[in-house]
Amino acid sequence: MISVIIPTLNEARALPQTLTHLFRQSGDFEVILVDGGSSDDTLAVASVWPQVQIVTTPPGRAVQMNAGAAVASGELLVFLHADTRLPGGAITRLNDLERDADVAWGGFHQRFSSEARMLRVISWIHNLRCRLTNIFYGDQVIFVRRNLFGSVGGFPEMAELEDIRLSEVLLEKGQPKFLGETVTTDSRKFEQMGPLRSFGRCLLILICYELRLPLAGRRFFAPIR
């Protein structure tokens, strides 16, 4: 079995579609939703699905995902953002990978929900960057074996970029599996902030991170629901 862990904070708008797509999947999996103190109807939405195990923690995506991993039963931990949809057959694919001892961690290709050409270009760049660096973003649905995740201490409990830092640590342990299947992320943030402006902020954040400078472009992290 695999464990799908979904961190949420005021995701009542995006969550129904994510869970609907998830429970259309065949395969052997459990779902753990970890809420960081939502003030909207997120928990009410989640409770519609009796299969969802709900955990509550203080806010913070890394804290929430680590809490979900702590109660998970699966051999493979799959971290799914509340605004990201898995492609058809993804759970079966992950069940197969679970039986492949050579696969320890990895993620998916990514695209945005909008058909806008600029967002298609950004996704292409995003996927190329991942192929060249083996560093995954959270919206690529990172998966990792339970023992490996525990051995590296889980997600570093930092305010931002916990996905990049985990990828860096996991890369020291071995090469990831970059799946050809594509997950779909809600494009609301890029559309509301503007695709070019959002991409520029992402690039600036990465440059600052690599140079160990204070992060600029932090407005990109502002929640948009």
C-alpha atoms as a PDB file:
ATOM      1  CA  MET A   1       0.000   0.000   0.000  1.00  0.00           C
ATOM      2  CA  ILE A   2       1.003   3.607  -0.541  1.00  0.00           C
ATOM      3  CA  SER A   3       0.101   6.563   1.668  1.00  0.00           C
ATOM      4  CA  VAL A   4      -1.090   9.771   0.006  1.00  0.00           C
ATOM      5  CA  ILE A   5      -0.476  12.721   2.346  1.00  0.00           C
ATOM      6  CA  ILE A   6      -2.265  16.002   1.604  1.00  0.00           C
ATOM      7  CA  PRO A   7      -1.360  19.165   3.571  1.00  0.00           C
ATOM      8  CA  THR A   8      -4.172  21.741   3.647  1.00  0.00           C
ATOM      9  CA  LEU A   9      -4.786  25.277   4.833  1.00  0.00           C
ATOM     10  CA  ASN A  10      -8.001  26.919   3.604  1.00  0.00           C
ATOM     11  CA  GLU A  11      -8.238  24.713   0.519  1.00  0.00           C
ATOM     12  CA  ALA A  12     -12.029  24.279   0.375  1.00  0.00           C
ATOM     13  CA  ARG A  13     -12.056  25.562  -3.200  1.00  0.00           C
ATOM     14  CA  ALA A  14      -9.426  23.251  -4.713  1.00  0.00           C
ATOM     15  CA  LEU A  15      -9.787  20.184  -2.493  1.00  0.00           C
ATOM     16  CA  PRO A  16     -13.027  18.692  -3.911  1.00  0.00           C
ATOM     17  CA  GLN A  17     -11.569  18.292  -7.384  1.00  0.00           C
ATOM     18  CA  THR A  18      -8.313  16.886  -6.012  1.00  0.00           C
ATOM     19  CA  LEU A  19     -10.087  14.270  -3.901  1.00  0.00           C
ATOM     20  CA  THR A  20     -12.560  13.420  -6.652  1.00  0.00           C
ATOM     21  CA  HIS A  21      -9.703  12.673  -9.059  1.00  0.00           C
ATOM     22  CA  LEU A  22      -7.837  10.775  -6.368  1.00  0.00           C
ATOM     23  CA  PHE A  23     -10.691   8.447  -5.454  1.00  0.00           C
ATOM     24  CA  ARG A  24     -11.334   7.638  -9.099  1.00  0.00           C
ATOM     25  CA  GLN A  25      -7.958   5.911  -9.064  1.00  0.00           C
ATOM     26  CA  SER A  26      -7.649   2.165  -8.772  1.00  0.00           C
ATOM     27  CA  GLY A  27      -4.935   0.621  -6.661  1.00  0.00           C
ATOM     28  CA  ASP A  28      -4.016   0.108  -3.028  1.00  0.00           C
ATOM     29  CA  PHE A  29      -3.705   3.375  -1.109  1.00  0.00           C
ATOM     30  CA  GLU A  30      -4.730   5.337   1.963  1.00  0.00           C
ATOM     31  CA  VAL A  31      -5.315   9.088   2.193  1.00  0.00           C
ATOM     32  CA  ILE A  32      -4.162  11.233   5.103  1.00  0.00           C
ATOM     33  CA  LEU A  33      -5.207  14.885   5.097  1.00  0.00           C
ATOM     34  CA  VAL A  34      -3.213  17.081   7.474  1.00  0.00           C
ATOM     35  CA  ASP A  35      -4.854  20.422   8.171  1.00  0.00           C
ATOM     36  CA  GLY A  36      -2.929  23.369   9.533  1.00  0.00           C
ATOM     37  CA  GLY A  37      -5.877  25.219  11.082  1.00  0.00           C
ATOM     38  CA  SER A  38      -8.185  26.080   8.201  1.00  0.00           C
ATOM     39  CA  SER A  39     -10.819  28.749   8.840  1.00  0.00           C
ATOM     40  CA  ASP A  40     -12.897  27.845   5.784  1.00  0.00           C
ATOM     41  CA  ASP A  41     -14.793  24.638   4.958  1.00  0.00           C
ATOM     42  CA  THR A  42     -11.726  22.505   4.239  1.00  0.00           C
ATOM     43  CA  LEU A  43     -12.438  19.998   7.002  1.00  0.00           C
ATOM     44  CA  ALA A  44     -16.113  19.808   6.089  1.00  0.00           C
ATOM     45  CA  VAL A  45     -15.149  19.088   2.482  1.00  0.00           C
ATOM     46  CA  ALA A  46     -12.684  16.373   3.549  1.00  0.00           C
ATOM     47  CA  SER A  47     -15.226  14.721   5.845  1.00  0.00           C
ATOM     48  CA  VAL A  48     -17.462  13.993   2.837  1.00  0.00           C
ATOM     49  CA  TRP A  49     -15.012  11.205   1.998  1.00  0.00           C
ATOM     50  CA  PRO A  50     -15.047   8.691   4.892  1.00  0.00           C
ATOM     51  CA  GLN A  51     -11.849   7.114   3.521  1.00  0.00           C
ATOM     52  CA  VAL A  52      -9.870  10.249   4.405  1.00  0.00           C
ATOM     53  CA  GLN A  53      -7.987  10.153   7.697  1.00  0.00           C
ATOM     54  CA  ILE A  54      -7.854  13.704   9.073  1.00  0.00           C
ATOM     55  CA  VAL A  55      -4.973  14.952  11.218  1.00  0.00           C
ATOM     56  CA  THR A  56      -4.635  18.502  12.581  1.00  0.00           C
ATOM     57  CA  THR A  57      -1.374  20.288  13.339  1.00  0.00           C
ATOM     58  CA  PRO A  58      -0.040  23.836  13.646  1.00  0.00           C
ATOM     59  CA  PRO A  59       0.320  25.526  10.228  1.00  0.00           C
ATOM     60  CA  GLY A  60       3.402  24.905   8.123  1.00  0.00           C
ATOM     61  CA  ARG A  61       3.538  22.607   5.108  1.00  0.00           C
ATOM     62  CA  ALA A  62       6.668  20.777   6.260  1.00  0.00           C
ATOM     63  CA  VAL A  63       5.265  20.285   9.769  1.00  0.00           C
ATOM     64  CA  GLN A  64       1.993  19.024   8.328  1.00  0.00           C
ATOM     65  CA  MET A  65       3.583  16.586   5.886  1.00  0.00           C
ATOM     66  CA  ASN A  66       5.885  15.193   8.569  1.00  0.00           C
ATOM     67  CA  ALA A  67       2.866  14.669  10.828  1.00  0.00           C
ATOM     68  CA  GLY A  68       1.090  12.807   8.045  1.00  0.00           C
ATOM     69  CA  ALA A  69       4.116  10.613   7.449  1.00  0.00           C
ATOM     70  CA  ALA A  70       4.255   9.783  11.155  1.00  0.00           C
ATOM     71  CA  VAL A  71       0.826   8.113  11.057  1.00  0.00           C
ATOM     72  CA  ALA A  72       1.091   6.644   7.552  1.00  0.00           C
ATOM     73  CA  SER A  73       0.987   2.889   7.010  1.00  0.00           C
ATOM     74  CA  GLY A  74       2.287   2.690   3.445  1.00  0.00           C
ATOM     75  CA  GLU A  75       5.731   1.683   2.255  1.00  0.00           C
ATOM     76  CA  LEU A  76       5.708   4.572  -0.207  1.00  0.00           C
ATOM     77  CA  LEU A  77       4.830   8.076   1.009  1.00  0.00           C
ATOM     78  CA  VAL A  78       3.258  10.310  -1.657  1.00  0.00           C
ATOM     79  CA  PHE A  79       3.000  14.044  -0.894  1.00  0.00           C
ATOM     80  CA  LEU A  80       0.125  15.558  -2.858  1.00  0.00           C
ATOM     81  CA  HIS A  81      -0.648  19.287  -2.743  1.00  0.00           C
ATOM     82  CA  ALA A  82      -4.324  20.104  -2.268  1.00  0.00           C
ATOM     83  CA  ASP A  83      -4.493  21.930  -5.607  1.00  0.00           C
ATOM     84  CA  THR A  84      -2.791  19.232  -7.688  1.00  0.00           C
ATOM     85  CA  ARG A  85      -4.478  16.379  -9.541  1.00  0.00           C
ATOM     86  CA  LEU A  86      -2.913  13.014 -10.243  1.00  0.00           C
ATOM     87  CA  PRO A  87      -3.195  11.615 -13.778  1.00  0.00           C
ATOM     88  CA  GLY A  88      -5.246   8.492 -14.421  1.00  0.00           C
ATOM     89  CA  GLY A  89      -3.402   5.323 -13.461  1.00  0.00           C
ATOM     90  CA  ALA A  90      -0.982   7.136 -11.144  1.00  0.00           C
ATOM     91  CA  ILE A  91      -1.767   5.043  -8.069  1.00  0.00           C
ATOM     92  CA  THR A  92      -1.354   1.781  -9.986  1.00  0.00           C
ATOM     93  CA  ARG A  93       1.954   3.090 -11.336  1.00  0.00           C
ATOM     94  CA  LEU A  94       3.109   3.932  -7.821  1.00  0.00           C
ATOM     95  CA  ASN A  95       1.992   0.511  -6.556  1.00  0.00           C
ATOM     96  CA  ASP A  96       4.217  -1.032  -9.227  1.00  0.00           C
ATOM     97  CA  LEU A  97       7.142   1.174  -8.231  1.00  0.00           C
ATOM     98  CA  GLU A  98       6.666   0.152  -4.618  1.00  0.00           C
ATOM     99  CA  ARG A  99       7.670  -3.373  -5.629  1.00  0.00           C
ATOM    100  CA  ASP A 100      10.784  -2.134  -7.463  1.00  0.00           C
ATOM    101  CA  ALA A 101      13.634  -2.055  -4.962  1.00  0.00           C
ATOM    102  CA  ASP A 102      15.684   0.168  -7.268  1.00  0.00           C
ATOM    103  CA  VAL A 103      13.211   3.053  -6.896  1.00  0.00           C
ATOM    104  CA  ALA A 104      13.645   4.967  -3.634  1.00  0.00           C
ATOM    105  CA  TRP A 105      12.137   8.364  -4.415  1.00  0.00           C
ATOM    106  CA  GLY A 106      11.057  10.646  -7.235  1.00  0.00           C
ATOM    107  CA  GLY A 107       8.244  12.708  -8.690  1.00  0.00           C
ATOM    108  CA  PHE A 108       6.119  13.487 -11.745  1.00  0.00           C
ATOM    109  CA  HIS A 109       6.202  15.858 -14.666  1.00  0.00           C
ATOM    110  CA  GLN A 110       4.016  18.911 -14.036  1.00  0.00           C
ATOM    111  CA  ARG A 111       1.653  21.128 -16.007  1.00  0.00           C
ATOM    112  CA  PHE A 112      -0.767  23.919 -15.091  1.00  0.00           C
ATOM    113  CA  SER A 113      -4.539  23.688 -15.380  1.00  0.00           C
ATOM    114  CA  SER A 114      -4.664  26.703 -17.723  1.00  0.00           C
ATOM    115  CA  GLU A 115      -4.101  26.283 -21.454  1.00  0.00           C
ATOM    116  CA  ALA A 116      -2.287  29.638 -21.648  1.00  0.00           C
ATOM    117  CA  ARG A 117       0.820  29.333 -23.831  1.00  0.00           C
ATOM    118  CA  MET A 118       3.061  31.152 -21.355  1.00  0.00           C
ATOM    119  CA  LEU A 119       2.138  28.694 -18.611  1.00  0.00           C
ATOM    120  CA  ARG A 120       2.884  25.804 -20.964  1.00  0.00           C
ATOM    121  CA  VAL A 121       6.341  27.282 -21.544  1.00  0.00           C
ATOM    122  CA  ILE A 122       6.901  27.702 -17.800  1.00  0.00           C
ATOM    123  CA  SER A 123       5.958  24.066 -17.192  1.00  0.00           C
ATOM    124  CA  TRP A 124       8.356  22.960 -19.943  1.00  0.00           C
ATOM    125  CA  ILE A 125      11.168  24.945 -18.288  1.00  0.00           C
ATOM    126  CA  HIS A 126      10.134  23.604 -14.909  1.00  0.00           C
ATOM    127  CA  ASN A 127      10.338  19.983 -16.109  1.00  0.00           C
ATOM    128  CA  LEU A 128      13.614  20.548 -17.952  1.00  0.00           C
ATOM    129  CA  ARG A 129      15.143  22.047 -14.797  1.00  0.00           C
ATOM    130  CA  CYS A 130      14.067  18.974 -12.858  1.00  0.00           C
ATOM    131  CA  ARG A 131      15.524  16.596 -15.446  1.00  0.00           C
ATOM    132  CA  LEU A 132      18.866  18.434 -15.340  1.00  0.00           C
ATOM    133  CA  THR A 133      19.106  18.899 -11.562  1.00  0.00           C
ATOM    134  CA  ASN A 134      17.052  16.026 -10.078  1.00  0.00           C
ATOM    135  CA  ILE A 135      15.519  18.579  -7.702  1.00  0.00           C
ATOM    136  CA  PHE A 136      11.723  18.399  -7.382  1.00  0.00           C
ATOM    137  CA  TYR A 137       9.165  21.004  -6.408  1.00  0.00           C
ATOM    138  CA  GLY A 138       6.282  20.006  -4.166  1.00  0.00           C
ATOM    139  CA  ASP A 139       3.708  20.375  -6.933  1.00  0.00           C
ATOM    140  CA  GLN A 140       5.437  17.524  -8.773  1.00  0.00           C
ATOM    141  CA  VAL A 141       4.063  15.139  -6.124  1.00  0.00           C
ATOM    142  CA  ILE A 142       7.241  13.910  -4.463  1.00  0.00           C
ATOM    143  CA  PHE A 143       7.193  10.259  -3.397  1.00  0.00           C
ATOM    144  CA  VAL A 144       9.719   8.528  -1.152  1.00  0.00           C
ATOM    145  CA  ARG A 145      10.071   5.228   0.655  1.00  0.00           C
ATOM    146  CA  ARG A 146       9.144   5.409   4.322  1.00  0.00           C
ATOM    147  CA  ASN A 147      12.513   4.172   5.647  1.00  0.00           C
ATOM    148  CA  LEU A 148      14.464   6.604   3.482  1.00  0.00           C
ATOM    149  CA  PHE A 149      12.214   9.500   4.510  1.00  0.00           C
ATOM    150  CA  GLY A 150      12.759   8.649   8.168  1.00  0.00           C
ATOM    151  CA  SER A 151      16.511   8.239   7.767  1.00  0.00           C
ATOM    152  CA  VAL A 152      16.901  11.820   6.487  1.00  0.00           C
ATOM    153  CA  GLY A 153      14.632  13.281   9.156  1.00  0.00           C
ATOM    154  CA  GLY A 154      11.686  14.030   6.880  1.00  0.00           C
ATOM    155  CA  PHE A 155      11.019  17.477   5.495  1.00  0.00           C
ATOM    156  CA  PRO A 156      13.192  20.167   7.076  1.00  0.00           C
ATOM    157  CA  GLU A 157      10.741  22.271   9.069  1.00  0.00           C
ATOM    158  CA  MET A 158      11.515  25.571   7.372  1.00  0.00           C
ATOM    159  CA  ALA A 159       8.998  28.201   6.266  1.00  0.00           C
ATOM    160  CA  GLU A 160       9.677  27.834   2.531  1.00  0.00           C
ATOM    161  CA  LEU A 161      11.515  25.606   0.042  1.00  0.00           C
ATOM    162  CA  GLU A 162      11.206  22.478   2.158  1.00  0.00           C
ATOM    163  CA  ASP A 163      10.648  20.544  -1.084  1.00  0.00           C
ATOM    164  CA  ILE A 164      13.942  21.676  -2.595  1.00  0.00           C
ATOM    165  CA  ARG A 165      15.874  20.990   0.581  1.00  0.00           C
ATOM    166  CA  LEU A 166      14.401  17.489   0.912  1.00  0.00           C
ATOM    167  CA  SER A 167      15.297  16.769  -2.713  1.00  0.00           C
ATOM    168  CA  GLU A 168      18.879  17.858  -2.081  1.00  0.00           C
ATOM    169  CA  VAL A 169      19.181  15.552   0.924  1.00  0.00           C
ATOM    170  CA  LEU A 170      17.553  12.621  -0.879  1.00  0.00           C
ATOM    171  CA  LEU A 171      19.815  13.132  -3.890  1.00  0.00           C
ATOM    172  CA  GLU A 172      22.775  12.417  -1.641  1.00  0.00           C
ATOM    173  CA  LYS A 173      21.230   8.983  -1.047  1.00  0.00           C
ATOM    174  CA  GLY A 174      20.543   8.090  -4.667  1.00  0.00           C
ATOM    175  CA  GLN A 175      19.076   9.111  -8.005  1.00  0.00           C
ATOM    176  CA  PRO A 176      15.323   9.755  -8.227  1.00  0.00           C
ATOM    177  CA  LYS A 177      12.758   8.317 -10.614  1.00  0.00           C
ATOM    178  CA  PHE A 178      11.341  11.104 -12.822  1.00  0.00           C
ATOM    179  CA  LEU A 179       8.036   9.694 -14.040  1.00  0.00           C
ATOM    180  CA  GLY A 180       6.792  10.502 -17.519  1.00  0.00           C
ATOM    181  CA  GLU A 181       3.205  10.877 -16.292  1.00  0.00           C
ATOM    182  CA  THR A 182       2.061  14.465 -15.723  1.00  0.00           C
ATOM    183  CA  VAL A 183       0.244  15.930 -12.728  1.00  0.00           C
ATOM    184  CA  THR A 184      -1.918  19.051 -13.114  1.00  0.00           C
ATOM    185  CA  THR A 185      -1.575  22.002 -10.738  1.00  0.00           C
ATOM    186  CA  ASP A 186      -4.181  24.737 -10.358  1.00  0.00           C
ATOM    187  CA  SER A 187      -2.813  27.786 -12.190  1.00  0.00           C
ATOM    188  CA  ARG A 188      -4.656  30.323  -9.994  1.00  0.00           C
ATOM    189  CA  LYS A 189      -1.529  31.813  -8.433  1.00  0.00           C
ATOM    190  CA  PHE A 190       0.307  32.294 -11.728  1.00  0.00           C
ATOM    191  CA  GLU A 191      -2.820  33.732 -13.332  1.00  0.00           C
ATOM    192  CA  GLN A 192      -3.616  36.181 -10.534  1.00  0.00           C
ATOM    193  CA  MET A 193      -0.018  37.294  -9.983  1.00  0.00           C
ATOM    194  CA  GLY A 194       0.780  37.194 -13.701  1.00  0.00           C
ATOM    195  CA  PRO A 195       2.757  34.375 -15.366  1.00  0.00           C
ATOM    196  CA  LEU A 196       5.905  36.372 -16.113  1.00  0.00           C
ATOM    197  CA  ARG A 197       5.928  38.094 -12.733  1.00  0.00           C
ATOM    198  CA  SER A 198       5.403  34.779 -10.955  1.00  0.00           C
ATOM    199  CA  PHE A 199       8.120  33.055 -12.964  1.00  0.00           C
ATOM    200  CA  GLY A 200      10.493  35.949 -12.267  1.00  0.00           C
ATOM    201  CA  ARG A 201       9.849  35.704  -8.557  1.00  0.00           C
ATOM    202  CA  CYS A 202      10.460  31.943  -8.615  1.00  0.00           C
ATOM    203  CA  LEU A 203      13.728  32.465 -10.441  1.00  0.00           C
ATOM    204  CA  LEU A 204      14.810  35.169  -7.997  1.00  0.00           C
ATOM    205  CA  ILE A 205      13.982  32.957  -5.032  1.00  0.00           C
ATOM    206  CA  LEU A 206      16.057  30.101  -6.467  1.00  0.00           C
ATOM    207  CA  ILE A 207      19.018  32.368  -7.179  1.00  0.00           C
ATOM    208  CA  CYS A 208      18.916  33.734  -3.632  1.00  0.00           C
ATOM    209  CA  TYR A 209      18.677  30.218  -2.236  1.00  0.00           C
ATOM    210  CA  GLU A 210      21.633  28.954  -4.270  1.00  0.00           C
ATOM    211  CA  LEU A 211      23.752  31.966  -3.250  1.00  0.00           C
ATOM    212  CA  ARG A 212      22.650  31.599   0.385  1.00  0.00           C
ATOM    213  CA  LEU A 213      21.217  35.116   0.356  1.00  0.00           C
ATOM    214  CA  PRO A 214      18.018  36.299   2.083  1.00  0.00           C
ATOM    215  CA  LEU A 215      15.120  35.248  -0.109  1.00  0.00           C
ATOM    216  CA  ALA A 216      13.801  37.963  -2.405  1.00  0.00           C
ATOM    217  CA  GLY A 217      10.549  37.637  -4.325  1.00  0.00           C
ATOM    218  CA  ARG A 218       8.763  36.290  -1.253  1.00  0.00           C
ATOM    219  CA  ARG A 219       5.414  37.633  -2.432  1.00  0.00           C
ATOM    220  CA  PHE A 220       5.207  34.466  -4.492  1.00  0.00           C
ATOM    221  CA  PHE A 221       4.603  32.531  -1.270  1.00  0.00           C
ATOM    222  CA  ALA A 222       1.478  34.556  -0.441  1.00  0.00           C
ATOM    223  CA  PRO A 223      -1.568  32.252  -0.278  1.00  0.00           C
ATOM    224  CA  ILE A 224      -4.097  32.639  -3.077  1.00  0.00           C
ATOM    225  CA  ARG A 225      -7.302  30.686  -2.575  1.00  0.00           C
END
